[in-house]
Each structure stands twice: as structure tokens, then as C-alpha cells.
Amino acid sequence: MKPTSNQPDSKPTKGYGKRSRGQWILIYVVVAIVVYGVAFVAYKHFHKTTTTDANGNTTTSNSLY
């Protein structure tokens, strides 16, 4: 005797499941933007240049170079 279930027979899904390729591309783009933004903010935060002139004044600046 065959076991019965309330769910219909389901075939294994291929690839990424039920989402379309366009949705996955959008998800990857959003994640890439967030990761890039976090990396950029961290870089700007940790790469500050501090200089002191002859009068003892301290200047802090952010530079990408």
C-alpha cells in the first residue's frame, strides 16, 4: 500500500528555486551595493590623515590617495 499525503507530488526544482533570474540578479546587485558601501565607509574611517603644523595645530582629513 502506498503512503498517502495531503501534499501533491512535487518535482525537484532546478537552479535557484521559485525566483526568476531577474529577481536573483536584483538581489545580487543590492547585496553588492551594500557590501561596497560598508567597505567604502570603513576605508574612509580608517584612512584618516592627521598632520600637525609648526604652531601645534592638528588637522585631520580624509584622503583616498
PDB file of N, CA and C in Angstrom:
ATOM      1  N   MET A   1       0.834  -1.170   0.000  1.00  0.00           N
ATOM      2  CA  MET A   1       0.000   0.000   0.000  1.00  0.00           C
ATOM      3  C   MET A   1       0.887   1.244   0.000  1.00  0.00           C
ATOM      4  N   LYS A   2       0.459   2.219  -0.777  1.00  0.00           N
ATOM      5  CA  LYS A   2       1.230   3.440  -0.958  1.00  0.00           C
ATOM      6  C   LYS A   2       0.878   4.436   0.148  1.00  0.00           C
ATOM      7  N   PRO A   3       1.899   5.078   0.795  1.00  0.00           N
ATOM      8  CA  PRO A   3       1.569   6.083   1.816  1.00  0.00           C
ATOM      9  C   PRO A   3       0.900   7.296   1.164  1.00  0.00           C
ATOM     10  N   THR A   4      -0.065   7.835   1.840  1.00  0.00           N
ATOM     11  CA  THR A   4      -0.776   8.995   1.318  1.00  0.00           C
ATOM     12  C   THR A   4      -0.340  10.249   2.051  1.00  0.00           C
ATOM     13  N   SER A   5      -0.402  11.368   1.347  1.00  0.00           N
ATOM     14  CA  SER A   5      -0.106  12.654   1.965  1.00  0.00           C
ATOM     15  C   SER A   5      -1.074  13.677   1.409  1.00  0.00           C
ATOM     16  N   ASN A   6      -1.219  14.768   2.112  1.00  0.00           N
ATOM     17  CA  ASN A   6      -2.128  15.832   1.691  1.00  0.00           C
ATOM     18  C   ASN A   6      -1.490  16.748   0.653  1.00  0.00           C
ATOM     19  N   GLN A   7      -0.189  16.622   0.445  1.00  0.00           N
ATOM     20  CA  GLN A   7       0.503  17.485  -0.497  1.00  0.00           C
ATOM     21  C   GLN A   7       0.624  16.782  -1.842  1.00  0.00           C
ATOM     22  N   PRO A   8       0.474  17.533  -2.935  1.00  0.00           N
ATOM     23  CA  PRO A   8       0.642  16.909  -4.247  1.00  0.00           C
ATOM     24  C   PRO A   8       2.095  16.532  -4.490  1.00  0.00           C
ATOM     25  N   ASP A   9       2.291  15.609  -5.411  1.00  0.00           N
ATOM     26  CA  ASP A   9       3.658  15.215  -5.752  1.00  0.00           C
ATOM     27  C   ASP A   9       4.408  16.441  -6.262  1.00  0.00           C
ATOM     28  N   SER A  10       5.610  16.636  -5.783  1.00  0.00           N
ATOM     29  CA  SER A  10       6.404  17.793  -6.230  1.00  0.00           C
ATOM     30  C   SER A  10       7.690  17.291  -6.854  1.00  0.00           C
ATOM     31  N   LYS A  11       8.051  17.906  -7.950  1.00  0.00           N
ATOM     32  CA  LYS A  11       9.291  17.571  -8.630  1.00  0.00           C
ATOM     33  C   LYS A  11      10.396  18.423  -8.048  1.00  0.00           C
ATOM     34  N   PRO A  12      11.608  17.919  -8.020  1.00  0.00           N
ATOM     35  CA  PRO A  12      12.715  18.752  -7.530  1.00  0.00           C
ATOM     36  C   PRO A  12      12.880  19.991  -8.405  1.00  0.00           C
ATOM     37  N   THR A  13      13.165  21.099  -7.757  1.00  0.00           N
ATOM     38  CA  THR A  13      13.347  22.334  -8.508  1.00  0.00           C
ATOM     39  C   THR A  13      14.778  22.427  -9.006  1.00  0.00           C
ATOM     40  N   LYS A  14      14.950  23.065 -10.138  1.00  0.00           N
ATOM     41  CA  LYS A  14      16.281  23.269 -10.695  1.00  0.00           C
ATOM     42  C   LYS A  14      16.759  24.675 -10.382  1.00  0.00           C
ATOM     43  N   GLY A  15      18.053  24.854 -10.308  1.00  0.00           N
ATOM     44  CA  GLY A  15      18.621  26.188 -10.153  1.00  0.00           C
ATOM     45  C   GLY A  15      18.339  26.802  -8.796  1.00  0.00           C
ATOM     46  N   TYR A  16      17.800  28.010  -8.833  1.00  0.00           N
ATOM     47  CA  TYR A  16      17.625  28.795  -7.613  1.00  0.00           C
ATOM     48  C   TYR A  16      16.228  28.694  -7.027  1.00  0.00           C
ATOM     49  N   GLY A  17      15.421  27.792  -7.446  1.00  0.00           N
ATOM     50  CA  GLY A  17      14.105  27.643  -6.856  1.00  0.00           C
ATOM     51  C   GLY A  17      13.055  28.417  -7.614  1.00  0.00           C
ATOM     52  N   LYS A  18      12.122  29.001  -6.881  1.00  0.00           N
ATOM     53  CA  LYS A  18      10.963  29.632  -7.500  1.00  0.00           C
ATOM     54  C   LYS A  18      11.205  31.060  -7.976  1.00  0.00           C
ATOM     55  N   ARG A  19      12.282  31.680  -7.590  1.00  0.00           N
ATOM     56  CA  ARG A  19      12.549  33.059  -8.019  1.00  0.00           C
ATOM     57  C   ARG A  19      13.068  33.076  -9.454  1.00  0.00           C
ATOM     58  N   SER A  20      12.700  34.111 -10.171  1.00  0.00           N
ATOM     59  CA  SER A  20      13.173  34.240 -11.544  1.00  0.00           C
ATOM     60  C   SER A  20      14.625  34.716 -11.556  1.00  0.00           C
ATOM     61  N   ARG A  21      15.253  34.595 -12.703  1.00  0.00           N
ATOM     62  CA  ARG A  21      16.644  35.005 -12.842  1.00  0.00           C
ATOM     63  C   ARG A  21      16.795  36.506 -12.593  1.00  0.00           C
ATOM     64  N   GLY A  22      15.824  37.298 -13.050  1.00  0.00           N
ATOM     65  CA  GLY A  22      15.874  38.744 -12.844  1.00  0.00           C
ATOM     66  C   GLY A  22      15.825  39.124 -11.375  1.00  0.00           C
ATOM     67  N   GLN A  23      15.027  38.404 -10.589  1.00  0.00           N
ATOM     68  CA  GLN A  23      14.965  38.683  -9.153  1.00  0.00           C
ATOM     69  C   GLN A  23      16.297  38.379  -8.490  1.00  0.00           C
ATOM     70  N   TRP A  24      16.939  37.278  -8.884  1.00  0.00           N
ATOM     71  CA  TRP A  24      18.232  36.941  -8.291  1.00  0.00           C
ATOM     72  C   TRP A  24      19.296  37.957  -8.680  1.00  0.00           C
ATOM     73  N   ILE A  25      19.254  38.433  -9.914  1.00  0.00           N
ATOM     74  CA  ILE A  25      20.214  39.463 -10.329  1.00  0.00           C
ATOM     75  C   ILE A  25      20.021  40.722  -9.490  1.00  0.00           C
ATOM     76  N   LEU A  26      18.772  41.109  -9.274  1.00  0.00           N
ATOM     77  CA  LEU A  26      18.480  42.279  -8.446  1.00  0.00           C
ATOM     78  C   LEU A  26      18.976  42.077  -7.015  1.00  0.00           C
ATOM     79  N   ILE A  27      18.769  40.901  -6.460  1.00  0.00           N
ATOM     80  CA  ILE A  27      19.242  40.611  -5.103  1.00  0.00           C
ATOM     81  C   ILE A  27      20.767  40.723  -5.041  1.00  0.00           C
ATOM     82  N   TYR A  28      21.468  40.132  -6.030  1.00  0.00           N
ATOM     83  CA  TYR A  28      22.928  40.212  -6.056  1.00  0.00           C
ATOM     84  C   TYR A  28      23.413  41.646  -6.181  1.00  0.00           C
ATOM     85  N   VAL A  29      22.758  42.459  -6.998  1.00  0.00           N
ATOM     86  CA  VAL A  29      23.153  43.852  -7.179  1.00  0.00           C
ATOM     87  C   VAL A  29      22.973  44.628  -5.874  1.00  0.00           C
ATOM     88  N   VAL A  30      21.846  44.426  -5.200  1.00  0.00           N
ATOM     89  CA  VAL A  30      21.591  45.126  -3.935  1.00  0.00           C
ATOM     90  C   VAL A  30      22.624  44.718  -2.889  1.00  0.00           C
ATOM     91  N   VAL A  31      22.911  43.428  -2.790  1.00  0.00           N
ATOM     92  CA  VAL A  31      23.907  42.962  -1.820  1.00  0.00           C
ATOM     93  C   VAL A  31      25.280  43.536  -2.155  1.00  0.00           C
ATOM     94  N   ALA A  32      25.637  43.585  -3.430  1.00  0.00           N
ATOM     95  CA  ALA A  32      26.932  44.139  -3.834  1.00  0.00           C
ATOM     96  C   ALA A  32      27.037  45.617  -3.472  1.00  0.00           C
ATOM     97  N   ILE A  33      25.964  46.369  -3.664  1.00  0.00           N
ATOM     98  CA  ILE A  33      25.969  47.796  -3.321  1.00  0.00           C
ATOM     99  C   ILE A  33      26.152  47.981  -1.820  1.00  0.00           C
ATOM    100  N   VAL A  34      25.467  47.172  -1.028  1.00  0.00           N
ATOM    101  CA  VAL A  34      25.585  47.273   0.433  1.00  0.00           C
ATOM    102  C   VAL A  34      27.006  46.926   0.876  1.00  0.00           C
ATOM    103  N   VAL A  35      27.561  45.840   0.337  1.00  0.00           N
ATOM    104  CA  VAL A  35      28.920  45.432   0.715  1.00  0.00           C
ATOM    105  C   VAL A  35      29.927  46.507   0.306  1.00  0.00           C
ATOM    106  N   TYR A  36      29.781  47.058  -0.908  1.00  0.00           N
ATOM    107  CA  TYR A  36      30.679  48.116  -1.360  1.00  0.00           C
ATOM    108  C   TYR A  36      30.553  49.345  -0.452  1.00  0.00           C
ATOM    109  N   GLY A  37      29.335  49.700  -0.085  1.00  0.00           N
ATOM    110  CA  GLY A  37      29.125  50.858   0.784  1.00  0.00           C
ATOM    111  C   GLY A  37      29.777  50.680   2.142  1.00  0.00           C
ATOM    112  N   VAL A  38      29.631  49.497   2.723  1.00  0.00           N
ATOM    113  CA  VAL A  38      30.252  49.229   4.021  1.00  0.00           C
ATOM    114  C   VAL A  38      31.776  49.278   3.905  1.00  0.00           C
ATOM    115  N   ALA A  39      32.314  48.692   2.853  1.00  0.00           N
ATOM    116  CA  ALA A  39      33.762  48.716   2.670  1.00  0.00           C
ATOM    117  C   ALA A  39      34.268  50.142   2.464  1.00  0.00           C
ATOM    118  N   PHE A  40      33.539  50.954   1.707  1.00  0.00           N
ATOM    119  CA  PHE A  40      33.950  52.332   1.459  1.00  0.00           C
ATOM    120  C   PHE A  40      33.933  53.151   2.752  1.00  0.00           C
ATOM    121  N   VAL A  41      32.884  53.012   3.542  1.00  0.00           N
ATOM    122  CA  VAL A  41      32.791  53.751   4.809  1.00  0.00           C
ATOM    123  C   VAL A  41      33.909  53.312   5.752  1.00  0.00           C
ATOM    124  N   ALA A  42      34.186  52.012   5.815  1.00  0.00           N
ATOM    125  CA  ALA A  42      35.263  51.524   6.683  1.00  0.00           C
ATOM    126  C   ALA A  42      36.607  52.062   6.213  1.00  0.00           C
ATOM    127  N   TYR A  43      36.822  52.074   4.895  1.00  0.00           N
ATOM    128  CA  TYR A  43      38.074  52.602   4.355  1.00  0.00           C
ATOM    129  C   TYR A  43      38.239  54.075   4.707  1.00  0.00           C
ATOM    130  N   LYS A  44      37.188  54.860   4.501  1.00  0.00           N
ATOM    131  CA  LYS A  44      37.250  56.292   4.823  1.00  0.00           C
ATOM    132  C   LYS A  44      37.492  56.501   6.318  1.00  0.00           C
ATOM    133  N   HIS A  45      36.913  55.649   7.147  1.00  0.00           N
ATOM    134  CA  HIS A  45      37.051  55.805   8.589  1.00  0.00           C
ATOM    135  C   HIS A  45      38.477  55.491   9.051  1.00  0.00           C
ATOM    136  N   PHE A  46      39.086  54.468   8.501  1.00  0.00           N
ATOM    137  CA  PHE A  46      40.390  54.030   8.975  1.00  0.00           C
ATOM    138  C   PHE A  46      41.559  54.662   8.243  1.00  0.00           C
ATOM    139  N   HIS A  47      41.310  55.430   7.195  1.00  0.00           N
ATOM    140  CA  HIS A  47      42.392  56.065   6.452  1.00  0.00           C
ATOM    141  C   HIS A  47      42.314  57.589   6.571  1.00  0.00           C
ATOM    142  N   LYS A  48      42.339  58.039   7.790  1.00  0.00           N
ATOM    143  CA  LYS A  48      42.367  59.484   8.042  1.00  0.00           C
ATOM    144  C   LYS A  48      43.814  59.937   8.152  1.00  0.00           C
ATOM    145  N   THR A  49      44.094  61.131   7.643  1.00  0.00           N
ATOM    146  CA  THR A  49      45.437  61.699   7.699  1.00  0.00           C
ATOM    147  C   THR A  49      45.445  62.812   8.740  1.00  0.00           C
ATOM    148  N   THR A  50      46.327  62.687   9.707  1.00  0.00           N
ATOM    149  CA  THR A  50      46.456  63.701  10.751  1.00  0.00           C
ATOM    150  C   THR A  50      47.804  64.391  10.594  1.00  0.00           C
ATOM    151  N   THR A  51      47.768  65.716  10.512  1.00  0.00           N
ATOM    152  CA  THR A  51      49.006  66.488  10.378  1.00  0.00           C
ATOM    153  C   THR A  51      49.054  67.560  11.460  1.00  0.00           C
ATOM    154  N   THR A  52      50.253  67.896  11.861  1.00  0.00           N
ATOM    155  CA  THR A  52      50.467  68.951  12.854  1.00  0.00           C
ATOM    156  C   THR A  52      51.419  69.980  12.248  1.00  0.00           C
ATOM    157  N   ASP A  53      51.002  71.261  12.286  1.00  0.00           N
ATOM    158  CA  ASP A  53      51.854  72.293  11.710  1.00  0.00           C
ATOM    159  C   ASP A  53      52.835  72.820  12.760  1.00  0.00           C
ATOM    160  N   ALA A  54      53.627  73.810  12.389  1.00  0.00           N
ATOM    161  CA  ALA A  54      54.672  74.354  13.268  1.00  0.00           C
ATOM    162  C   ALA A  54      54.096  75.002  14.521  1.00  0.00           C
ATOM    163  N   ASN A  55      52.866  75.486  14.469  1.00  0.00           N
ATOM    164  CA  ASN A  55      52.245  76.134  15.631  1.00  0.00           C
ATOM    165  C   ASN A  55      51.579  75.130  16.569  1.00  0.00           C
ATOM    166  N   GLY A  56      51.596  73.837  16.229  1.00  0.00           N
ATOM    167  CA  GLY A  56      50.986  72.830  17.081  1.00  0.00           C
ATOM    168  C   GLY A  56      49.529  72.553  16.749  1.00  0.00           C
ATOM    169  N   ASN A  57      49.023  73.147  15.667  1.00  0.00           N
ATOM    170  CA  ASN A  57      47.642  72.889  15.269  1.00  0.00           C
ATOM    171  C   ASN A  57      47.546  71.535  14.559  1.00  0.00           C
ATOM    172  N   THR A  58      46.540  70.775  14.954  1.00  0.00           N
ATOM    173  CA  THR A  58      46.342  69.450  14.365  1.00  0.00           C
ATOM    174  C   THR A  58      45.198  69.505  13.394  1.00  0.00           C
ATOM    175  N   THR A  59      45.408  68.932  12.215  1.00  0.00           N
ATOM    176  CA  THR A  59      44.386  68.877  11.181  1.00  0.00           C
ATOM    177  C   THR A  59      44.158  67.428  10.784  1.00  0.00           C
ATOM    178  N   THR A  60      42.898  67.018  10.759  1.00  0.00           N
ATOM    179  CA  THR A  60      42.558  65.656  10.333  1.00  0.00           C
ATOM    180  C   THR A  60      41.785  65.755   9.030  1.00  0.00           C
ATOM    181  N   SER A  61      42.189  64.976   8.037  1.00  0.00           N
ATOM    182  CA  SER A  61      41.492  64.985   6.748  1.00  0.00           C
ATOM    183  C   SER A  61      41.381  63.563   6.232  1.00  0.00           C
ATOM    184  N   ASN A  62      40.369  63.357   5.411  1.00  0.00           N
ATOM    185  CA  ASN A  62      40.196  62.075   4.748  1.00  0.00           C
ATOM    186  C   ASN A  62      40.724  62.218   3.337  1.00  0.00           C
ATOM    187  N   SER A  63      41.477  61.230   2.917  1.00  0.00           N
ATOM    188  CA  SER A  63      42.018  61.264   1.587  1.00  0.00           C
ATOM    189  C   SER A  63      41.969  59.869   0.986  1.00  0.00           C
ATOM    190  N   LEU A  64      41.596  59.780  -0.267  1.00  0.00           N
ATOM    191  CA  LEU A  64      41.601  58.483  -0.937  1.00  0.00           C
ATOM    192  C   LEU A  64      42.953  58.187  -1.536  1.00  0.00           C
ATOM    193  N   TYR A  65      43.877  59.141  -1.497  1.00  0.00           N
ATOM    194  CA  TYR A  65      45.187  58.948  -2.091  1.00  0.00           C
ATOM    195  C   TYR A  65      46.232  58.837  -1.042  1.00  0.00           C
TER     196      TYR A  65
END
